[in-house]
């Protein structure tokens, strides 16, 4: 299942760990760019046009949340699977493995 986040240049340092954290849990992480926003008019319209439903922010790192097809009802279960971070350094120094 695809998961989308808006690319924000100020958070470019998080892209690598964001992608890694979601991909390792079975998701297909995708970024919505400012070009996509111009083309589709909004973030949610861009996500829908690209065949997605799940959205998050680059600052949300996935430690254990699996896509719904692998774990039923996982989008609402175990919220500790998703943790907010402001930098790549904070993710790498949090004590949890990706």
PDB file of N, CA and C in Angstrom:
ATOM      1  N   UNK A   1       0.839  -1.169   0.000  1.00  0.00           N
ATOM      2  CA  UNK A   1       0.000   0.000   0.000  1.00  0.00           C
ATOM      3  C   UNK A   1       0.889   1.239   0.000  1.00  0.00           C
ATOM      4  N   UNK A   2       0.474   2.238  -0.758  1.00  0.00           N
ATOM      5  CA  UNK A   2       1.232   3.486  -0.840  1.00  0.00           C
ATOM      6  C   UNK A   2       0.927   4.380   0.357  1.00  0.00           C
ATOM      7  N   UNK A   3       1.954   5.087   0.823  1.00  0.00           N
ATOM      8  CA  UNK A   3       1.793   6.104   1.852  1.00  0.00           C
ATOM      9  C   UNK A   3       2.481   7.364   1.332  1.00  0.00           C
ATOM     10  N   UNK A   4       1.819   8.498   1.472  1.00  0.00           N
ATOM     11  CA  UNK A   4       2.295   9.747   0.895  1.00  0.00           C
ATOM     12  C   UNK A   4       2.623  10.787   1.954  1.00  0.00           C
ATOM     13  N   UNK A   5       3.634  11.587   1.649  1.00  0.00           N
ATOM     14  CA  UNK A   5       3.978  12.754   2.464  1.00  0.00           C
ATOM     15  C   UNK A   5       4.325  13.890   1.524  1.00  0.00           C
ATOM     16  N   UNK A   6       4.088  15.099   1.974  1.00  0.00           N
ATOM     17  CA  UNK A   6       4.439  16.274   1.198  1.00  0.00           C
ATOM     18  C   UNK A   6       5.922  16.563   1.364  1.00  0.00           C
ATOM     19  N   UNK A   7       6.620  16.705   0.246  1.00  0.00           N
ATOM     20  CA  UNK A   7       8.038  17.053   0.311  1.00  0.00           C
ATOM     21  C   UNK A   7       8.167  18.514   0.734  1.00  0.00           C
ATOM     22  N   UNK A   8       8.899  18.735   1.814  1.00  0.00           N
ATOM     23  CA  UNK A   8       9.168  20.071   2.331  1.00  0.00           C
ATOM     24  C   UNK A   8      10.683  20.235   2.335  1.00  0.00           C
ATOM     25  N   UNK A   9      11.212  21.181   1.529  1.00  0.00           N
ATOM     26  CA  UNK A   9      12.670  21.322   1.432  1.00  0.00           C
ATOM     27  C   UNK A   9      13.379  21.456   2.785  1.00  0.00           C
ATOM     28  N   UNK A  10      12.758  22.126   3.744  1.00  0.00           N
ATOM     29  CA  UNK A  10      13.381  22.322   5.056  1.00  0.00           C
ATOM     30  C   UNK A  10      13.548  20.996   5.809  1.00  0.00           C
ATOM     31  N   UNK A  11      12.799  19.959   5.403  1.00  0.00           N
ATOM     32  CA  UNK A  11      12.873  18.655   6.063  1.00  0.00           C
ATOM     33  C   UNK A  11      13.562  17.604   5.191  1.00  0.00           C
ATOM     34  N   UNK A  12      14.332  18.055   4.207  1.00  0.00           N
ATOM     35  CA  UNK A  12      14.955  17.128   3.267  1.00  0.00           C
ATOM     36  C   UNK A  12      15.854  16.099   3.963  1.00  0.00           C
ATOM     37  N   UNK A  13      16.405  16.449   5.115  1.00  0.00           N
ATOM     38  CA  UNK A  13      17.238  15.516   5.854  1.00  0.00           C
ATOM     39  C   UNK A  13      16.469  14.321   6.399  1.00  0.00           C
ATOM     40  N   UNK A  14      15.161  14.447   6.520  1.00  0.00           N
ATOM     41  CA  UNK A  14      14.334  13.355   7.028  1.00  0.00           C
ATOM     42  C   UNK A  14      13.860  12.396   5.944  1.00  0.00           C
ATOM     43  N   UNK A  15      13.944  12.787   4.684  1.00  0.00           N
ATOM     44  CA  UNK A  15      13.390  11.971   3.600  1.00  0.00           C
ATOM     45  C   UNK A  15      13.957  10.557   3.620  1.00  0.00           C
ATOM     46  N   UNK A  16      15.245  10.426   3.738  1.00  0.00           N
ATOM     47  CA  UNK A  16      15.886   9.108   3.690  1.00  0.00           C
ATOM     48  C   UNK A  16      15.378   8.185   4.806  1.00  0.00           C
ATOM     49  N   UNK A  17      15.326   8.684   6.049  1.00  0.00           N
ATOM     50  CA  UNK A  17      14.863   7.827   7.139  1.00  0.00           C
ATOM     51  C   UNK A  17      13.353   7.611   7.083  1.00  0.00           C
ATOM     52  N   UNK A  18      12.602   8.607   6.599  1.00  0.00           N
ATOM     53  CA  UNK A  18      11.153   8.437   6.435  1.00  0.00           C
ATOM     54  C   UNK A  18      10.876   7.308   5.452  1.00  0.00           C
ATOM     55  N   UNK A  19      11.525   7.356   4.289  1.00  0.00           N
ATOM     56  CA  UNK A  19      11.343   6.306   3.278  1.00  0.00           C
ATOM     57  C   UNK A  19      11.748   4.953   3.849  1.00  0.00           C
ATOM     58  N   UNK A  20      12.892   4.905   4.475  1.00  0.00           N
ATOM     59  CA  UNK A  20      13.397   3.640   5.031  1.00  0.00           C
ATOM     60  C   UNK A  20      12.431   3.053   6.062  1.00  0.00           C
ATOM     61  N   UNK A  21      11.917   3.900   6.956  1.00  0.00           N
ATOM     62  CA  UNK A  21      11.040   3.401   8.017  1.00  0.00           C
ATOM     63  C   UNK A  21       9.729   2.844   7.469  1.00  0.00           C
ATOM     64  N   UNK A  22       9.178   3.479   6.458  1.00  0.00           N
ATOM     65  CA  UNK A  22       7.911   3.009   5.889  1.00  0.00           C
ATOM     66  C   UNK A  22       8.119   1.805   4.984  1.00  0.00           C
ATOM     67  N   UNK A  23       9.166   1.833   4.184  1.00  0.00           N
ATOM     68  CA  UNK A  23       9.440   0.720   3.268  1.00  0.00           C
ATOM     69  C   UNK A  23       9.714  -0.573   4.035  1.00  0.00           C
ATOM     70  N   UNK A  24      10.460  -0.481   5.121  1.00  0.00           N
ATOM     71  CA  UNK A  24      10.805  -1.662   5.909  1.00  0.00           C
ATOM     72  C   UNK A  24       9.569  -2.323   6.518  1.00  0.00           C
ATOM     73  N   UNK A  25       8.483  -1.587   6.693  1.00  0.00           N
ATOM     74  CA  UNK A  25       7.248  -2.129   7.272  1.00  0.00           C
ATOM     75  C   UNK A  25       6.259  -2.579   6.201  1.00  0.00           C
ATOM     76  N   UNK A  26       6.692  -2.600   4.925  1.00  0.00           N
ATOM     77  CA  UNK A  26       5.840  -3.118   3.855  1.00  0.00           C
ATOM     78  C   UNK A  26       5.041  -2.083   3.082  1.00  0.00           C
ATOM     79  N   UNK A  27       5.281  -0.808   3.339  1.00  0.00           N
ATOM     80  CA  UNK A  27       4.584   0.262   2.628  1.00  0.00           C
ATOM     81  C   UNK A  27       5.394   0.670   1.390  1.00  0.00           C
ATOM     82  N   UNK A  28       4.748   1.383   0.491  1.00  0.00           N
ATOM     83  CA  UNK A  28       5.417   1.984  -0.663  1.00  0.00           C
ATOM     84  C   UNK A  28       5.393   3.498  -0.472  1.00  0.00           C
ATOM     85  N   UNK A  29       6.432   4.050   0.145  1.00  0.00           N
ATOM     86  CA  UNK A  29       6.435   5.489   0.426  1.00  0.00           C
ATOM     87  C   UNK A  29       6.601   6.329  -0.829  1.00  0.00           C
ATOM     88  N   UNK A  30       5.813   7.392  -0.905  1.00  0.00           N
ATOM     89  CA  UNK A  30       5.838   8.304  -2.053  1.00  0.00           C
ATOM     90  C   UNK A  30       5.804   9.738  -1.553  1.00  0.00           C
ATOM     91  N   UNK A  31       6.445  10.626  -2.296  1.00  0.00           N
ATOM     92  CA  UNK A  31       6.428  12.044  -1.964  1.00  0.00           C
ATOM     93  C   UNK A  31       5.544  12.802  -2.938  1.00  0.00           C
ATOM     94  N   UNK A  32       4.826  13.772  -2.429  1.00  0.00           N
ATOM     95  CA  UNK A  32       4.073  14.712  -3.247  1.00  0.00           C
ATOM     96  C   UNK A  32       4.919  15.981  -3.293  1.00  0.00           C
ATOM     97  N   UNK A  33       5.209  16.436  -4.504  1.00  0.00           N
ATOM     98  CA  UNK A  33       6.066  17.608  -4.677  1.00  0.00           C
ATOM     99  C   UNK A  33       5.225  18.865  -4.910  1.00  0.00           C
ATOM    100  N   UNK A  34       5.885  20.005  -4.898  1.00  0.00           N
ATOM    101  CA  UNK A  34       5.185  21.253  -5.177  1.00  0.00           C
ATOM    102  C   UNK A  34       4.676  21.273  -6.620  1.00  0.00           C
ATOM    103  N   UNK A  35       5.356  20.583  -7.506  1.00  0.00           N
ATOM    104  CA  UNK A  35       4.882  20.445  -8.885  1.00  0.00           C
ATOM    105  C   UNK A  35       3.545  19.688  -8.905  1.00  0.00           C
ATOM    106  N   UNK A  36       3.451  18.641  -8.081  1.00  0.00           N
ATOM    107  CA  UNK A  36       2.191  17.898  -7.967  1.00  0.00           C
ATOM    108  C   UNK A  36       1.073  18.793  -7.430  1.00  0.00           C
ATOM    109  N   UNK A  37       1.412  19.633  -6.459  1.00  0.00           N
ATOM    110  CA  UNK A  37       0.409  20.536  -5.892  1.00  0.00           C
ATOM    111  C   UNK A  37      -0.130  21.490  -6.950  1.00  0.00           C
ATOM    112  N   UNK A  38       0.759  22.002  -7.790  1.00  0.00           N
ATOM    113  CA  UNK A  38       0.323  22.895  -8.871  1.00  0.00           C
ATOM    114  C   UNK A  38      -0.545  22.151  -9.875  1.00  0.00           C
ATOM    115  N   UNK A  39      -0.154  20.931 -10.182  1.00  0.00           N
ATOM    116  CA  UNK A  39      -0.881  20.135 -11.182  1.00  0.00           C
ATOM    117  C   UNK A  39      -2.271  19.723 -10.695  1.00  0.00           C
ATOM    118  N   UNK A  40      -2.374  19.284  -9.443  1.00  0.00           N
ATOM    119  CA  UNK A  40      -3.631  18.736  -8.935  1.00  0.00           C
ATOM    120  C   UNK A  40      -4.418  19.688  -8.044  1.00  0.00           C
ATOM    121  N   UNK A  41      -3.800  20.754  -7.578  1.00  0.00           N
ATOM    122  CA  UNK A  41      -4.517  21.754  -6.808  1.00  0.00           C
ATOM    123  C   UNK A  41      -4.461  21.600  -5.296  1.00  0.00           C
ATOM    124  N   UNK A  42      -4.205  20.394  -4.805  1.00  0.00           N
ATOM    125  CA  UNK A  42      -4.089  20.191  -3.361  1.00  0.00           C
ATOM    126  C   UNK A  42      -3.357  18.886  -3.081  1.00  0.00           C
ATOM    127  N   UNK A  43      -2.908  18.754  -1.850  1.00  0.00           N
ATOM    128  CA  UNK A  43      -2.196  17.543  -1.439  1.00  0.00           C
ATOM    129  C   UNK A  43      -3.087  16.311  -1.580  1.00  0.00           C
ATOM    130  N   UNK A  44      -4.299  16.388  -1.044  1.00  0.00           N
ATOM    131  CA  UNK A  44      -5.184  15.219  -1.087  1.00  0.00           C
ATOM    132  C   UNK A  44      -5.592  14.841  -2.506  1.00  0.00           C
ATOM    133  N   UNK A  45      -5.782  15.838  -3.362  1.00  0.00           N
ATOM    134  CA  UNK A  45      -6.101  15.533  -4.768  1.00  0.00           C
ATOM    135  C   UNK A  45      -4.911  14.874  -5.462  1.00  0.00           C
ATOM    136  N   UNK A  46      -3.704  15.306  -5.141  1.00  0.00           N
ATOM    137  CA  UNK A  46      -2.495  14.694  -5.711  1.00  0.00           C
ATOM    138  C   UNK A  46      -2.359  13.250  -5.257  1.00  0.00           C
ATOM    139  N   UNK A  47      -2.611  13.004  -3.974  1.00  0.00           N
ATOM    140  CA  UNK A  47      -2.537  11.643  -3.431  1.00  0.00           C
ATOM    141  C   UNK A  47      -3.560  10.752  -4.136  1.00  0.00           C
ATOM    142  N   UNK A  48      -4.773  11.231  -4.252  1.00  0.00           N
ATOM    143  CA  UNK A  48      -5.833  10.456  -4.909  1.00  0.00           C
ATOM    144  C   UNK A  48      -5.475  10.178  -6.371  1.00  0.00           C
ATOM    145  N   UNK A  49      -4.957  11.172  -7.069  1.00  0.00           N
ATOM    146  CA  UNK A  49      -4.581  11.009  -8.484  1.00  0.00           C
ATOM    147  C   UNK A  49      -3.457   9.990  -8.654  1.00  0.00           C
ATOM    148  N   UNK A  50      -2.610   9.855  -7.636  1.00  0.00           N
ATOM    149  CA  UNK A  50      -1.493   8.907  -7.689  1.00  0.00           C
ATOM    150  C   UNK A  50      -1.864   7.541  -7.122  1.00  0.00           C
ATOM    151  N   UNK A  51      -3.159   7.350  -6.859  1.00  0.00           N
ATOM    152  CA  UNK A  51      -3.640   6.041  -6.415  1.00  0.00           C
ATOM    153  C   UNK A  51      -3.438   5.742  -4.949  1.00  0.00           C
ATOM    154  N   UNK A  52      -3.385   6.766  -4.130  1.00  0.00           N
ATOM    155  CA  UNK A  52      -3.156   6.547  -2.714  1.00  0.00           C
ATOM    156  C   UNK A  52      -4.285   7.018  -1.830  1.00  0.00           C
ATOM    157  N   UNK A  53      -4.229   6.590  -0.582  1.00  0.00           N
ATOM    158  CA  UNK A  53      -5.183   7.023   0.438  1.00  0.00           C
ATOM    159  C   UNK A  53      -4.466   7.394   1.730  1.00  0.00           C
ATOM    160  N   UNK A  54      -3.440   6.649   2.079  1.00  0.00           N
ATOM    161  CA  UNK A  54      -2.736   6.867   3.346  1.00  0.00           C
ATOM    162  C   UNK A  54      -1.784   8.057   3.229  1.00  0.00           C
ATOM    163  N   UNK A  55      -1.870   8.958   4.208  1.00  0.00           N
ATOM    164  CA  UNK A  55      -1.004  10.130   4.210  1.00  0.00           C
ATOM    165  C   UNK A  55      -0.386  10.307   5.596  1.00  0.00           C
ATOM    166  N   UNK A  56       0.758  10.952   5.592  1.00  0.00           N
ATOM    167  CA  UNK A  56       1.454  11.260   6.835  1.00  0.00           C
ATOM    168  C   UNK A  56       2.337  12.466   6.570  1.00  0.00           C
ATOM    169  N   UNK A  57       3.161  12.811   7.524  1.00  0.00           N
ATOM    170  CA  UNK A  57       4.128  13.882   7.344  1.00  0.00           C
ATOM    171  C   UNK A  57       5.525  13.282   7.362  1.00  0.00           C
ATOM    172  N   UNK A  58       6.476  13.995   6.792  1.00  0.00           N
ATOM    173  CA  UNK A  58       7.866  13.526   6.805  1.00  0.00           C
ATOM    174  C   UNK A  58       8.399  13.384   8.227  1.00  0.00           C
ATOM    175  N   UNK A  59       7.776  14.057   9.151  1.00  0.00           N
ATOM    176  CA  UNK A  59       8.235  14.019  10.538  1.00  0.00           C
ATOM    177  C   UNK A  59       7.688  12.816  11.306  1.00  0.00           C
ATOM    178  N   UNK A  60       6.869  11.980  10.664  1.00  0.00           N
ATOM    179  CA  UNK A  60       6.314  10.789  11.318  1.00  0.00           C
ATOM    180  C   UNK A  60       7.081   9.564  10.843  1.00  0.00           C
ATOM    181  N   UNK A  61       7.837   8.963  11.756  1.00  0.00           N
ATOM    182  CA  UNK A  61       8.675   7.808  11.445  1.00  0.00           C
ATOM    183  C   UNK A  61       7.948   6.544  11.897  1.00  0.00           C
ATOM    184  N   UNK A  62       7.924   5.547  11.028  1.00  0.00           N
ATOM    185  CA  UNK A  62       7.196   4.302  11.284  1.00  0.00           C
ATOM    186  C   UNK A  62       8.133   3.247  11.880  1.00  0.00           C
ATOM    187  N   UNK A  63       7.841   2.814  13.101  1.00  0.00           N
ATOM    188  CA  UNK A  63       8.643   1.783  13.742  1.00  0.00           C
ATOM    189  C   UNK A  63       8.016   0.398  13.657  1.00  0.00           C
ATOM    190  N   UNK A  64       6.691   0.295  13.456  1.00  0.00           N
ATOM    191  CA  UNK A  64       6.107  -1.048  13.396  1.00  0.00           C
ATOM    192  C   UNK A  64       4.733  -1.136  12.739  1.00  0.00           C
ATOM    193  N   UNK A  65       4.206  -0.068  12.205  1.00  0.00           N
ATOM    194  CA  UNK A  65       2.867  -0.090  11.610  1.00  0.00           C
ATOM    195  C   UNK A  65       2.901  -0.729  10.222  1.00  0.00           C
ATOM    196  N   UNK A  66       2.165  -1.810  10.062  1.00  0.00           N
ATOM    197  CA  UNK A  66       2.082  -2.521   8.781  1.00  0.00           C
ATOM    198  C   UNK A  66       0.874  -2.047   7.998  1.00  0.00           C
ATOM    199  N   UNK A  67       0.903  -2.197   6.664  1.00  0.00           N
ATOM    200  CA  UNK A  67      -0.268  -1.836   5.858  1.00  0.00           C
ATOM    201  C   UNK A  67      -1.475  -2.700   6.237  1.00  0.00           C
ATOM    202  N   UNK A  68      -2.678  -2.195   6.021  1.00  0.00           N
ATOM    203  CA  UNK A  68      -3.892  -2.923   6.397  1.00  0.00           C
ATOM    204  C   UNK A  68      -3.987  -4.330   5.816  1.00  0.00           C
ATOM    205  N   UNK A  69      -3.492  -4.554   4.599  1.00  0.00           N
ATOM    206  CA  UNK A  69      -3.615  -5.892   4.011  1.00  0.00           C
ATOM    207  C   UNK A  69      -2.768  -6.932   4.739  1.00  0.00           C
ATOM    208  N   UNK A  70      -1.788  -6.498   5.523  1.00  0.00           N
ATOM    209  CA  UNK A  70      -0.960  -7.425   6.283  1.00  0.00           C
ATOM    210  C   UNK A  70      -1.447  -7.564   7.726  1.00  0.00           C
ATOM    211  N   UNK A  71      -2.001  -6.491   8.265  1.00  0.00           N
ATOM    212  CA  UNK A  71      -2.521  -6.498   9.630  1.00  0.00           C
ATOM    213  C   UNK A  71      -3.849  -5.749   9.618  1.00  0.00           C
ATOM    214  N   UNK A  72      -4.973  -6.436   9.686  1.00  0.00           N
ATOM    215  CA  UNK A  72      -6.273  -5.761   9.664  1.00  0.00           C
ATOM    216  C   UNK A  72      -6.382  -4.703  10.756  1.00  0.00           C
ATOM    217  N   UNK A  73      -7.023  -3.592  10.401  1.00  0.00           N
ATOM    218  CA  UNK A  73      -7.270  -2.478  11.320  1.00  0.00           C
ATOM    219  C   UNK A  73      -5.997  -1.837  11.872  1.00  0.00           C
ATOM    220  N   UNK A  74      -4.879  -2.001  11.192  1.00  0.00           N
ATOM    221  CA  UNK A  74      -3.626  -1.483  11.744  1.00  0.00           C
ATOM    222  C   UNK A  74      -3.534   0.035  11.708  1.00  0.00           C
ATOM    223  N   UNK A  75      -4.331   0.705  10.876  1.00  0.00           N
ATOM    224  CA  UNK A  75      -4.233   2.159  10.823  1.00  0.00           C
ATOM    225  C   UNK A  75      -4.688   2.804  12.128  1.00  0.00           C
ATOM    226  N   UNK A  76      -5.575   2.162  12.868  1.00  0.00           N
ATOM    227  CA  UNK A  76      -6.030   2.751  14.117  1.00  0.00           C
ATOM    228  C   UNK A  76      -5.414   2.078  15.339  1.00  0.00           C
ATOM    229  N   UNK A  77      -4.696   1.007  15.135  1.00  0.00           N
ATOM    230  CA  UNK A  77      -4.136   0.258  16.256  1.00  0.00           C
ATOM    231  C   UNK A  77      -2.686   0.652  16.522  1.00  0.00           C
ATOM    232  N   UNK A  78      -2.271   0.513  17.746  1.00  0.00           N
ATOM    233  CA  UNK A  78      -0.878   0.676  18.150  1.00  0.00           C
ATOM    234  C   UNK A  78      -0.268   1.990  17.680  1.00  0.00           C
ATOM    235  N   UNK A  79      -0.753   3.090  18.177  1.00  0.00           N
ATOM    236  CA  UNK A  79      -0.272   4.402  17.760  1.00  0.00           C
ATOM    237  C   UNK A  79       1.195   4.641  18.117  1.00  0.00           C
ATOM    238  N   UNK A  80       1.737   3.855  19.008  1.00  0.00           N
ATOM    239  CA  UNK A  80       3.146   4.004  19.358  1.00  0.00           C
ATOM    240  C   UNK A  80       4.052   3.527  18.232  1.00  0.00           C
ATOM    241  N   UNK A  81       3.477   2.958  17.204  1.00  0.00           N
ATOM    242  CA  UNK A  81       4.241   2.541  16.037  1.00  0.00           C
ATOM    243  C   UNK A  81       4.756   3.747  15.265  1.00  0.00           C
ATOM    244  N   UNK A  82       4.040   4.852  15.356  1.00  0.00           N
ATOM    245  CA  UNK A  82       4.388   6.068  14.637  1.00  0.00           C
ATOM    246  C   UNK A  82       4.868   7.104  15.633  1.00  0.00           C
ATOM    247  N   UNK A  83       6.024   7.662  15.372  1.00  0.00           N
ATOM    248  CA  UNK A  83       6.609   8.615  16.304  1.00  0.00           C
ATOM    249  C   UNK A  83       7.038   9.868  15.543  1.00  0.00           C
ATOM    250  N   UNK A  84       6.737  11.031  16.079  1.00  0.00           N
ATOM    251  CA  UNK A  84       7.062  12.312  15.466  1.00  0.00           C
ATOM    252  C   UNK A  84       8.504  12.710  15.796  1.00  0.00           C
ATOM    253  N   UNK A  85       9.256  13.126  14.765  1.00  0.00           N
ATOM    254  CA  UNK A  85      10.623  13.617  14.933  1.00  0.00           C
ATOM    255  C   UNK A  85      10.808  14.873  14.106  1.00  0.00           C
ATOM    256  N   UNK A  86      11.712  15.732  14.550  1.00  0.00           N
ATOM    257  CA  UNK A  86      11.980  16.967  13.821  1.00  0.00           C
ATOM    258  C   UNK A  86      13.259  16.931  12.998  1.00  0.00           C
ATOM    259  N   UNK A  87      14.080  15.894  13.168  1.00  0.00           N
ATOM    260  CA  UNK A  87      15.325  15.836  12.402  1.00  0.00           C
ATOM    261  C   UNK A  87      15.779  14.393  12.231  1.00  0.00           C
ATOM    262  N   UNK A  88      16.627  14.177  11.244  1.00  0.00           N
ATOM    263  CA  UNK A  88      17.208  12.855  11.013  1.00  0.00           C
ATOM    264  C   UNK A  88      18.049  12.442  12.215  1.00  0.00           C
ATOM    265  N   UNK A  89      18.776  13.385  12.775  1.00  0.00           N
ATOM    266  CA  UNK A  89      19.629  13.096  13.932  1.00  0.00           C
ATOM    267  C   UNK A  89      18.802  12.583  15.112  1.00  0.00           C
ATOM    268  N   UNK A  90      17.653  13.194  15.345  1.00  0.00           N
ATOM    269  CA  UNK A  90      16.786  12.760  16.443  1.00  0.00           C
ATOM    270  C   UNK A  90      16.305  11.332  16.236  1.00  0.00           C
ATOM    271  N   UNK A  91      15.993  10.984  14.984  1.00  0.00           N
ATOM    272  CA  UNK A  91      15.552   9.620  14.673  1.00  0.00           C
ATOM    273  C   UNK A  91      16.685   8.640  14.944  1.00  0.00           C
ATOM    274  N   UNK A  92      17.860   8.951  14.431  1.00  0.00           N
ATOM    275  CA  UNK A  92      18.991   8.038  14.539  1.00  0.00           C
ATOM    276  C   UNK A  92      19.498   7.881  15.976  1.00  0.00           C
ATOM    277  N   UNK A  93      19.202   8.864  16.833  1.00  0.00           N
ATOM    278  CA  UNK A  93      19.659   8.813  18.220  1.00  0.00           C
ATOM    279  C   UNK A  93      18.566   8.469  19.229  1.00  0.00           C
ATOM    280  N   UNK A  94      17.411   8.028  18.754  1.00  0.00           N
ATOM    281  CA  UNK A  94      16.292   7.777  19.669  1.00  0.00           C
ATOM    282  C   UNK A  94      16.389   6.449  20.408  1.00  0.00           C
ATOM    283  N   UNK A  95      17.280   5.570  19.987  1.00  0.00           N
ATOM    284  CA  UNK A  95      17.439   4.303  20.659  1.00  0.00           C
ATOM    285  C   UNK A  95      16.611   3.167  20.084  1.00  0.00           C
ATOM    286  N   UNK A  96      15.837   3.445  19.035  1.00  0.00           N
ATOM    287  CA  UNK A  96      15.047   2.397  18.385  1.00  0.00           C
ATOM    288  C   UNK A  96      15.638   2.115  17.012  1.00  0.00           C
ATOM    289  N   UNK A  97      15.585   0.863  16.579  1.00  0.00           N
ATOM    290  CA  UNK A  97      16.122   0.540  15.266  1.00  0.00           C
ATOM    291  C   UNK A  97      15.029   0.698  14.224  1.00  0.00           C
ATOM    292  N   UNK A  98      15.433   1.120  13.045  1.00  0.00           N
ATOM    293  CA  UNK A  98      14.479   1.285  11.940  1.00  0.00           C
ATOM    294  C   UNK A  98      14.177  -0.030  11.290  1.00  0.00           C
TER     295      UNK A  98
END
